[in-house]
N, C-alpha and C. Protein backbone atom coordinates (compact mmCIF):
# COMPACT_ATOMS: atom_id res chain seq x y z
N MET A 1 98.37 107.65 46.71
CA MET A 1 96.90 108.31 47.16
C MET A 1 95.95 106.82 47.66
N SER A 2 94.98 107.40 48.36
CA SER A 2 94.20 106.27 49.08
C SER A 2 93.38 105.71 47.89
N ARG A 3 93.21 104.54 47.68
CA ARG A 3 92.32 103.99 46.59
C ARG A 3 90.98 104.24 47.18
N ILE A 4 90.58 104.04 48.26
CA ILE A 4 89.22 104.10 48.81
C ILE A 4 88.70 105.62 48.90
N GLY A 5 89.88 106.49 49.37
CA GLY A 5 89.61 107.83 49.66
C GLY A 5 89.37 108.69 48.51
N ARG A 6 90.01 108.22 47.40
CA ARG A 6 89.79 109.08 46.03
C ARG A 6 88.47 108.87 45.34
N LEU A 7 87.87 107.61 45.40
CA LEU A 7 86.51 107.43 45.00
C LEU A 7 85.56 108.43 45.33
N PRO A 8 84.79 109.03 44.44
CA PRO A 8 83.73 109.94 44.55
C PRO A 8 82.57 109.12 45.08
N ILE A 9 81.77 109.71 45.85
CA ILE A 9 80.47 109.12 46.46
C ILE A 9 79.29 109.34 45.59
N THR A 10 78.71 108.53 44.82
CA THR A 10 77.62 108.88 44.07
C THR A 10 76.54 108.88 45.06
N VAL A 11 75.52 110.05 44.81
CA VAL A 11 74.41 110.32 45.60
C VAL A 11 72.83 109.94 44.81
N PRO A 12 72.50 108.83 45.17
CA PRO A 12 71.39 108.37 44.53
C PRO A 12 70.07 109.46 44.66
N SER A 13 69.10 109.29 43.87
CA SER A 13 67.98 110.25 43.77
C SER A 13 67.24 110.07 45.05
N GLY A 14 66.77 111.01 45.58
CA GLY A 14 65.66 111.03 46.98
C GLY A 14 66.79 111.31 48.08
N VAL A 15 68.08 111.43 47.84
CA VAL A 15 69.10 111.68 48.79
C VAL A 15 69.53 113.23 48.87
N GLU A 16 69.49 113.82 49.90
CA GLU A 16 69.98 115.24 49.91
C GLU A 16 71.10 115.43 50.91
N VAL A 17 72.24 115.94 50.47
CA VAL A 17 73.44 115.98 51.14
C VAL A 17 73.63 117.40 51.44
N LYS A 18 73.93 117.99 52.64
CA LYS A 18 74.43 119.18 52.82
C LYS A 18 75.61 119.36 53.48
N LEU A 19 76.45 120.09 52.83
CA LEU A 19 77.78 120.41 53.20
C LEU A 19 77.88 121.75 53.93
N ASP A 20 78.23 121.91 55.11
CA ASP A 20 78.24 123.18 55.74
C ASP A 20 79.62 123.13 56.76
N GLY A 21 80.97 123.44 55.98
CA GLY A 21 82.10 123.48 56.54
C GLY A 21 82.50 122.17 56.71
N GLN A 22 82.84 121.69 57.90
CA GLN A 22 83.21 120.33 58.24
C GLN A 22 82.15 119.49 58.67
N ASP A 23 80.89 120.12 58.63
CA ASP A 23 79.71 119.14 58.92
C ASP A 23 78.97 118.67 57.84
N VAL A 24 78.65 117.40 57.87
CA VAL A 24 78.02 116.76 56.57
C VAL A 24 76.59 116.25 57.11
N GLU A 25 75.54 116.49 56.55
CA GLU A 25 74.30 115.97 56.93
C GLU A 25 73.61 115.34 55.70
N VAL A 26 73.35 113.96 55.77
CA VAL A 26 72.70 113.42 54.74
C VAL A 26 71.08 112.90 55.11
N LYS A 27 70.27 113.53 54.32
CA LYS A 27 68.82 113.21 54.41
C LYS A 27 68.18 112.05 53.26
N GLY A 28 67.58 111.36 53.76
CA GLY A 28 67.04 110.19 52.86
C GLY A 28 65.64 109.95 53.15
N PRO A 29 65.21 108.86 52.48
CA PRO A 29 63.64 108.29 52.88
C PRO A 29 63.57 107.61 54.07
N LYS A 30 64.91 107.08 54.58
CA LYS A 30 64.76 106.41 56.06
C LYS A 30 65.15 107.28 57.39
N GLY A 31 65.63 108.50 56.84
CA GLY A 31 65.75 109.33 58.01
C GLY A 31 67.05 110.21 57.59
N THR A 32 67.55 110.72 58.79
CA THR A 32 68.75 112.05 58.73
C THR A 32 69.82 111.52 59.61
N LEU A 33 71.07 111.65 59.14
CA LEU A 33 72.32 111.23 59.65
C LEU A 33 73.35 112.66 59.51
N ASN A 34 73.90 112.82 60.82
CA ASN A 34 74.71 113.96 60.77
C ASN A 34 76.41 113.31 61.05
N PHE A 35 77.23 114.09 60.61
CA PHE A 35 78.63 113.63 60.89
C PHE A 35 79.61 114.89 60.73
N SER A 36 80.53 115.11 61.71
CA SER A 36 81.50 116.06 61.55
C SER A 36 82.87 115.46 61.28
N VAL A 37 83.35 116.16 60.20
CA VAL A 37 84.58 115.60 59.49
C VAL A 37 85.80 116.37 60.44
N ALA A 38 86.90 115.42 60.42
CA ALA A 38 87.99 115.78 61.21
C ALA A 38 88.73 116.89 60.32
N GLU A 39 89.44 117.72 61.12
CA GLU A 39 90.08 119.26 60.70
C GLU A 39 90.57 118.94 59.49
N PRO A 40 91.78 118.20 58.96
CA PRO A 40 92.47 118.39 57.69
C PRO A 40 91.85 118.05 56.60
N ILE A 41 90.80 117.23 56.73
CA ILE A 41 90.29 116.55 55.44
C ILE A 41 89.03 117.59 55.01
N SER A 42 88.77 117.78 53.66
CA SER A 42 87.81 118.51 53.23
C SER A 42 86.86 117.82 52.35
N VAL A 43 85.56 118.11 52.48
CA VAL A 43 84.60 117.58 51.59
C VAL A 43 83.85 118.33 50.81
N SER A 44 83.45 118.09 49.23
CA SER A 44 82.92 119.05 48.53
C SER A 44 82.19 118.10 47.55
N LYS A 45 81.31 118.90 46.67
CA LYS A 45 80.61 118.28 45.68
C LYS A 45 81.23 118.61 44.47
N ASN A 46 81.22 117.80 43.40
CA ASN A 46 81.85 117.97 42.17
C ASN A 46 80.56 118.34 41.14
N ASP A 47 80.80 118.84 39.76
CA ASP A 47 79.93 119.36 39.11
C ASP A 47 79.00 118.17 38.61
N GLU A 48 79.13 116.98 38.78
CA GLU A 48 78.33 115.92 38.69
C GLU A 48 77.39 115.42 39.71
N GLY A 49 77.36 116.23 40.81
CA GLY A 49 76.68 115.83 42.05
C GLY A 49 77.27 115.08 43.01
N GLN A 50 78.51 114.51 42.77
CA GLN A 50 79.07 113.45 43.68
C GLN A 50 79.80 114.25 44.71
N ILE A 51 79.95 113.42 45.87
CA ILE A 51 80.81 113.90 46.92
C ILE A 51 82.08 113.60 46.85
N VAL A 52 83.10 114.43 47.01
CA VAL A 52 84.55 114.14 46.92
C VAL A 52 85.27 114.33 48.18
N VAL A 53 86.15 113.45 48.60
CA VAL A 53 86.65 113.70 49.85
C VAL A 53 88.24 113.92 49.37
N ALA A 54 88.90 115.00 49.96
CA ALA A 54 90.29 115.26 49.76
C ALA A 54 91.15 115.69 51.07
N ARG A 55 92.32 115.41 50.92
CA ARG A 55 93.08 115.58 52.02
C ARG A 55 94.20 116.74 51.49
N PRO A 56 94.88 117.49 52.44
CA PRO A 56 95.71 118.50 52.04
C PRO A 56 97.17 118.21 51.78
N ASN A 57 97.66 117.03 52.40
CA ASN A 57 98.96 116.58 52.12
C ASN A 57 99.11 115.08 52.60
N ASP A 58 100.30 114.46 52.44
CA ASP A 58 100.38 113.11 52.62
C ASP A 58 100.98 112.92 53.89
N GLU A 59 100.67 113.68 54.95
CA GLU A 59 101.05 113.13 56.21
C GLU A 59 100.34 111.94 56.66
N ARG A 60 100.94 111.23 57.52
CA ARG A 60 100.33 109.77 58.09
C ARG A 60 99.08 109.91 58.53
N GLU A 61 98.74 111.01 59.44
CA GLU A 61 97.40 111.02 60.17
C GLU A 61 96.38 111.31 58.84
N ASN A 62 96.65 112.14 58.15
CA ASN A 62 96.02 112.59 56.92
C ASN A 62 95.56 111.47 55.95
N ARG A 63 96.66 110.66 55.74
CA ARG A 63 96.34 109.56 55.01
C ARG A 63 95.40 108.59 55.58
N SER A 64 95.53 108.28 56.76
CA SER A 64 94.69 107.38 57.54
C SER A 64 93.29 108.02 57.52
N LEU A 65 93.08 109.06 57.72
CA LEU A 65 91.75 109.83 58.12
C LEU A 65 90.89 109.75 56.60
N HIS A 66 91.69 109.97 55.46
CA HIS A 66 91.27 110.13 54.03
C HIS A 66 90.16 109.03 53.74
N GLY A 67 90.65 107.78 53.67
CA GLY A 67 89.59 106.64 53.34
C GLY A 67 88.54 106.44 54.38
N LEU A 68 89.12 106.61 55.68
CA LEU A 68 88.03 106.37 56.76
C LEU A 68 86.75 107.30 56.47
N ILE A 69 87.03 108.64 56.41
CA ILE A 69 85.87 109.65 56.31
C ILE A 69 85.18 109.46 55.19
N ARG A 70 85.74 109.12 53.98
CA ARG A 70 85.07 108.65 52.73
C ARG A 70 84.04 107.53 52.92
N THR A 71 84.53 106.44 53.59
CA THR A 71 83.70 105.41 53.93
C THR A 71 82.61 105.47 54.90
N LEU A 72 82.91 106.30 55.92
CA LEU A 72 81.87 106.98 56.74
C LEU A 72 80.62 107.58 56.26
N ILE A 73 81.12 108.54 55.22
CA ILE A 73 80.09 109.30 54.41
C ILE A 73 79.25 108.26 53.72
N ASN A 74 79.94 107.48 52.98
CA ASN A 74 79.37 106.46 52.15
C ASN A 74 78.49 105.51 52.88
N ASN A 75 78.72 105.21 54.16
CA ASN A 75 77.82 104.40 54.81
C ASN A 75 76.79 105.11 55.24
N MET A 76 76.72 106.33 55.57
CA MET A 76 75.48 107.33 55.81
C MET A 76 74.53 107.24 54.64
N VAL A 77 75.07 107.48 53.42
CA VAL A 77 74.28 107.34 52.07
C VAL A 77 73.53 106.02 52.00
N ILE A 78 74.28 104.98 52.33
CA ILE A 78 73.69 103.74 52.25
C ILE A 78 72.60 103.43 53.30
N GLY A 79 72.93 103.85 54.55
CA GLY A 79 72.01 103.87 55.70
C GLY A 79 70.68 104.38 55.42
N VAL A 80 70.65 105.86 54.85
CA VAL A 80 69.43 106.57 54.71
C VAL A 80 68.58 105.88 53.47
N THR A 81 69.27 105.28 52.68
CA THR A 81 68.49 104.62 51.57
C THR A 81 68.15 103.01 51.74
N GLN A 82 68.93 102.47 52.06
CA GLN A 82 68.78 100.98 52.23
C GLN A 82 68.64 100.50 53.83
N GLY A 83 69.41 101.13 54.62
CA GLY A 83 69.34 100.85 55.89
C GLY A 83 70.29 99.62 56.11
N TYR A 84 70.58 99.21 57.38
CA TYR A 84 71.58 98.21 57.86
C TYR A 84 70.82 97.16 58.67
N GLU A 85 71.18 95.71 58.68
CA GLU A 85 70.55 94.84 59.49
C GLU A 85 71.48 93.82 59.84
N LYS A 86 71.56 93.43 61.02
CA LYS A 86 72.35 92.33 61.47
C LYS A 86 71.28 91.28 61.95
N LYS A 87 71.56 90.03 61.41
CA LYS A 87 70.76 88.87 61.85
C LYS A 87 71.49 87.98 62.91
N LEU A 88 70.78 87.72 63.95
CA LEU A 88 71.39 86.79 64.94
C LEU A 88 70.47 85.59 65.19
N GLU A 89 71.01 84.63 65.85
CA GLU A 89 70.34 83.41 66.24
C GLU A 89 70.69 82.90 67.54
N ILE A 90 69.93 82.16 68.09
CA ILE A 90 69.98 81.64 69.44
C ILE A 90 70.15 80.16 69.37
N GLN A 91 70.97 79.51 69.82
CA GLN A 91 71.09 78.06 69.90
C GLN A 91 71.13 77.59 71.37
N GLY A 92 70.52 76.64 71.82
CA GLY A 92 70.70 75.98 73.11
C GLY A 92 69.11 75.65 73.66
N VAL A 93 68.92 74.51 74.32
CA VAL A 93 67.79 74.03 74.85
C VAL A 93 66.96 75.04 75.61
N GLY A 94 65.88 75.50 75.40
CA GLY A 94 65.07 76.24 76.34
C GLY A 94 65.66 77.77 75.99
N TYR A 95 66.77 78.14 75.32
CA TYR A 95 66.93 79.52 74.88
C TYR A 95 66.02 80.17 73.91
N ARG A 96 65.54 81.39 74.13
CA ARG A 96 64.47 81.86 73.01
C ARG A 96 64.45 83.33 73.27
N VAL A 97 63.87 83.93 72.37
CA VAL A 97 63.70 85.40 72.36
C VAL A 97 62.21 85.73 72.20
N ILE A 98 61.78 86.65 72.89
CA ILE A 98 60.25 87.12 72.78
C ILE A 98 60.25 88.62 72.45
N SER A 99 59.29 89.07 71.46
CA SER A 99 59.39 90.37 71.07
C SER A 99 58.28 91.03 71.96
N LYS A 100 58.83 92.24 72.56
CA LYS A 100 57.72 93.22 73.46
C LYS A 100 57.62 94.36 72.64
N GLY A 101 57.21 94.31 71.25
CA GLY A 101 57.13 95.55 70.43
C GLY A 101 58.48 95.69 69.71
N PRO A 102 58.42 96.67 68.72
CA PRO A 102 59.55 97.02 67.91
C PRO A 102 60.84 97.50 68.64
N LYS A 103 60.54 97.82 69.85
CA LYS A 103 61.58 98.68 70.59
C LYS A 103 62.28 97.72 71.74
N GLN A 104 61.63 96.41 72.10
CA GLN A 104 62.04 95.86 73.18
C GLN A 104 62.16 94.33 73.05
N LEU A 105 63.17 93.59 73.43
CA LEU A 105 63.33 92.13 73.32
C LEU A 105 63.46 91.38 74.86
N GLU A 106 62.76 90.52 74.97
CA GLU A 106 63.00 89.59 76.20
C GLU A 106 63.69 88.27 75.82
N PHE A 107 64.66 88.06 76.56
CA PHE A 107 65.52 86.96 76.36
C PHE A 107 65.55 85.82 77.45
N ASN A 108 65.23 84.60 77.36
CA ASN A 108 65.48 83.69 78.20
C ASN A 108 66.74 82.61 77.53
N LEU A 109 67.95 82.88 78.41
CA LEU A 109 69.10 82.31 77.99
C LEU A 109 69.74 81.50 79.17
N GLY A 110 69.02 80.87 80.00
CA GLY A 110 69.57 79.88 80.99
C GLY A 110 69.74 80.62 82.32
N PHE A 111 69.57 81.87 82.31
CA PHE A 111 69.66 82.53 83.62
C PHE A 111 68.47 82.32 84.52
N SER A 112 68.63 82.74 85.70
CA SER A 112 67.32 82.69 86.66
C SER A 112 66.31 83.64 86.33
N HIS A 113 66.54 84.71 85.49
CA HIS A 113 65.75 85.62 85.09
C HIS A 113 65.81 85.82 83.74
N PRO A 114 64.76 86.53 83.23
CA PRO A 114 64.78 86.86 81.56
C PRO A 114 65.33 88.19 81.57
N VAL A 115 66.20 88.31 80.50
CA VAL A 115 67.00 89.62 80.09
C VAL A 115 66.34 90.39 79.25
N ILE A 116 65.93 91.61 79.55
CA ILE A 116 65.21 92.69 78.75
C ILE A 116 65.97 93.55 78.23
N VAL A 117 66.02 93.81 76.81
CA VAL A 117 66.97 94.77 75.99
C VAL A 117 65.81 95.75 75.29
N ASP A 118 66.37 97.15 75.65
CA ASP A 118 65.69 98.09 75.00
C ASP A 118 66.43 98.61 73.98
N ALA A 119 65.76 99.06 72.77
CA ALA A 119 66.51 99.44 71.56
C ALA A 119 66.98 101.03 71.82
N PRO A 120 67.89 101.50 71.42
CA PRO A 120 68.39 102.99 71.50
C PRO A 120 67.56 103.57 70.37
N GLU A 121 67.71 104.82 70.32
CA GLU A 121 67.07 105.76 69.26
C GLU A 121 67.43 105.38 67.89
N GLY A 122 66.68 105.05 66.98
CA GLY A 122 66.85 104.88 65.61
C GLY A 122 66.94 103.22 65.34
N ILE A 123 66.76 102.30 66.38
CA ILE A 123 67.15 100.90 66.14
C ILE A 123 65.86 100.22 66.53
N SER A 124 65.51 99.29 65.53
CA SER A 124 64.17 98.39 65.75
C SER A 124 64.30 96.71 65.78
N PHE A 125 63.67 96.21 66.40
CA PHE A 125 64.16 94.65 66.43
C PHE A 125 62.96 93.95 65.49
N THR A 126 63.33 92.84 65.07
CA THR A 126 61.99 91.99 64.38
C THR A 126 62.51 90.49 64.82
N VAL A 127 61.43 89.78 65.31
CA VAL A 127 61.73 88.54 65.77
C VAL A 127 61.04 87.63 64.46
N GLU A 128 61.72 86.59 63.85
CA GLU A 128 61.22 85.65 62.98
C GLU A 128 60.48 84.53 63.50
N ASN A 129 61.44 83.97 64.64
CA ASN A 129 60.84 82.75 65.38
C ASN A 129 61.66 82.89 66.59
N PRO A 130 61.30 81.82 67.63
CA PRO A 130 61.96 82.02 68.88
C PRO A 130 63.60 81.93 69.07
N THR A 131 63.87 81.50 67.93
CA THR A 131 65.49 81.50 67.99
C THR A 131 66.17 82.45 67.01
N LYS A 132 65.43 83.16 66.25
CA LYS A 132 65.98 84.04 65.11
C LYS A 132 65.42 85.51 65.24
N PHE A 133 66.46 86.28 65.08
CA PHE A 133 65.77 87.86 65.33
C PHE A 133 66.78 88.83 64.54
N SER A 134 66.56 90.06 64.32
CA SER A 134 67.44 90.97 63.45
C SER A 134 67.43 92.30 64.18
N VAL A 135 68.26 92.91 64.00
CA VAL A 135 68.49 94.29 64.50
C VAL A 135 68.76 95.11 63.35
N GLN A 136 67.70 96.27 63.03
CA GLN A 136 67.75 97.10 61.97
C GLN A 136 67.74 98.63 62.35
N GLY A 137 68.41 99.42 61.45
CA GLY A 137 68.54 100.75 61.68
C GLY A 137 69.21 101.45 60.47
N ILE A 138 69.57 102.85 60.54
CA ILE A 138 70.06 103.48 59.61
C ILE A 138 71.69 103.73 59.83
N ASP A 139 72.02 103.68 61.19
CA ASP A 139 73.33 104.01 61.46
C ASP A 139 74.18 102.59 61.55
N LYS A 140 75.12 102.38 60.84
CA LYS A 140 75.94 101.08 60.77
C LYS A 140 76.60 100.77 61.90
N GLN A 141 77.07 101.77 62.66
CA GLN A 141 77.78 101.85 63.83
C GLN A 141 77.08 101.45 64.99
N THR A 142 75.90 101.94 65.04
CA THR A 142 74.82 101.67 66.13
C THR A 142 74.19 100.29 65.94
N VAL A 143 73.97 99.84 64.81
CA VAL A 143 73.37 98.56 64.54
C VAL A 143 74.22 97.53 65.11
N GLY A 144 75.57 97.62 64.68
CA GLY A 144 76.68 96.88 64.85
C GLY A 144 76.94 96.66 66.50
N GLU A 145 76.70 97.86 67.00
CA GLU A 145 76.99 97.93 68.51
C GLU A 145 75.93 97.11 69.45
N VAL A 146 74.79 97.42 68.97
CA VAL A 146 73.64 96.81 69.55
C VAL A 146 73.64 95.41 69.49
N ALA A 147 73.95 95.02 68.28
CA ALA A 147 73.96 93.48 67.93
C ALA A 147 75.02 92.81 68.71
N ALA A 148 76.25 93.46 68.91
CA ALA A 148 77.30 92.90 69.87
C ALA A 148 77.09 93.09 71.27
N ASN A 149 76.34 93.93 71.99
CA ASN A 149 75.86 93.80 73.17
C ASN A 149 74.78 92.77 73.33
N ILE A 150 73.97 92.55 72.44
CA ILE A 150 73.14 91.36 72.48
C ILE A 150 73.91 89.96 72.54
N ARG A 151 74.79 89.79 71.80
CA ARG A 151 75.57 88.74 71.75
C ARG A 151 76.40 88.55 73.03
N LYS A 152 76.93 89.83 73.54
CA LYS A 152 77.54 89.68 74.81
C LYS A 152 76.81 89.11 75.86
N ILE A 153 75.53 89.11 75.85
CA ILE A 153 74.78 88.51 77.07
C ILE A 153 75.24 87.17 77.33
N ARG A 154 75.18 86.30 76.23
CA ARG A 154 75.55 84.98 76.48
C ARG A 154 76.05 84.62 74.96
N LYS A 155 77.54 84.73 75.13
CA LYS A 155 78.17 84.44 73.89
C LYS A 155 78.20 82.98 73.68
N PRO A 156 78.43 82.40 72.36
CA PRO A 156 78.31 80.90 72.17
C PRO A 156 79.59 80.20 72.74
N GLU A 157 79.22 79.10 73.30
CA GLU A 157 80.57 78.58 74.13
C GLU A 157 80.90 77.46 73.32
N PRO A 158 82.38 77.11 73.23
CA PRO A 158 82.82 76.16 72.42
C PRO A 158 82.64 74.51 72.53
N TYR A 159 81.91 74.35 73.61
CA TYR A 159 81.81 72.76 73.78
C TYR A 159 80.33 72.37 73.18
N LYS A 160 79.45 73.04 73.53
CA LYS A 160 78.15 72.83 73.08
C LYS A 160 77.41 73.81 71.85
N GLY A 161 78.24 74.81 71.90
CA GLY A 161 77.87 75.76 71.05
C GLY A 161 76.53 76.67 71.23
N LYS A 162 76.15 76.65 72.67
CA LYS A 162 75.02 77.45 73.13
C LYS A 162 75.33 78.91 73.26
N GLY A 163 74.29 79.75 73.01
CA GLY A 163 74.26 81.25 73.17
C GLY A 163 73.84 81.74 71.78
N VAL A 164 74.00 83.14 72.05
CA VAL A 164 73.46 84.03 71.06
C VAL A 164 74.85 84.23 69.93
N ARG A 165 74.44 84.10 68.62
CA ARG A 165 75.49 84.08 67.67
C ARG A 165 75.01 84.92 66.42
N TYR A 166 75.93 85.41 65.65
CA TYR A 166 75.32 86.15 64.38
C TYR A 166 74.97 85.03 63.42
N ALA A 167 74.26 85.35 62.45
CA ALA A 167 73.69 84.24 61.60
C ALA A 167 74.78 83.71 60.84
N ASP A 168 75.61 84.26 60.23
CA ASP A 168 76.77 84.03 59.44
C ASP A 168 77.97 83.45 60.35
N GLU A 169 78.01 83.40 61.58
CA GLU A 169 79.18 83.25 62.30
C GLU A 169 79.51 81.65 62.53
N ASN A 170 80.57 81.37 62.52
CA ASN A 170 81.08 79.87 62.44
C ASN A 170 81.81 79.82 63.89
N VAL A 171 81.11 79.03 64.83
CA VAL A 171 81.83 78.72 66.16
C VAL A 171 82.71 77.71 66.10
N ARG A 172 83.89 77.82 66.58
CA ARG A 172 84.90 76.59 66.38
C ARG A 172 84.55 75.75 67.68
N ARG A 173 84.35 74.52 67.37
CA ARG A 173 83.77 73.69 68.56
C ARG A 173 84.99 72.92 69.15
N LYS A 174 85.03 72.67 70.45
CA LYS A 174 86.23 71.86 71.11
C LYS A 174 85.79 70.57 71.40
N VAL A 175 86.69 69.53 71.50
CA VAL A 175 86.27 68.38 71.94
C VAL A 175 86.36 68.33 73.43
N GLY A 176 85.27 67.59 73.97
CA GLY A 176 85.22 67.45 75.49
C GLY A 176 86.18 66.73 76.09
N LYS A 177 85.85 66.31 77.33
CA LYS A 177 86.71 65.45 78.13
C LYS A 177 86.49 63.87 77.42
N ALA A 178 87.91 63.21 77.50
CA ALA A 178 87.85 61.82 76.89
C ALA A 178 87.38 60.79 77.88
N GLY A 179 86.47 60.02 77.76
CA GLY A 179 85.94 59.07 78.68
C GLY A 179 86.98 57.99 78.57
N LYS A 180 86.70 57.06 79.68
CA LYS A 180 87.57 55.87 79.88
C LYS A 180 86.95 54.63 79.04
């Protein structure tokens, strides 16, 4: 049995979970998230108010979906209570970020033009200083995707380390040309 899949999901106070067949809706203080569970997996509430994810048999596909769906529902519960945040930083001379409100960022990353990034629905940006900013939201997947797309604008290069990187990312550096 899946070690992760068999764990019940505890629902904190202030969070409301609606189960309607294969649809799961989680409502909390930060917002609402919806998810449609894949067909063979079933989701139910036990008598203690916890959410339990079960699979009908031990087929390979059902085993792989079991832990995944349990984790996705748990991420929804965490998202509507605490939310998710990815911290990024910029390194490089003249590279900086400017906040154009909570939904828009302007990057100067060594291109001939500034790069403007708009936040999708449910995502907000905060800028601590011109080289540090963060992406926040309630959906873990969307927060990670937006942060990855921003990093993709100018990835950290291995020789000088210039570019956009995650705050906890370790960039492996290469040695440059050997001089005479």
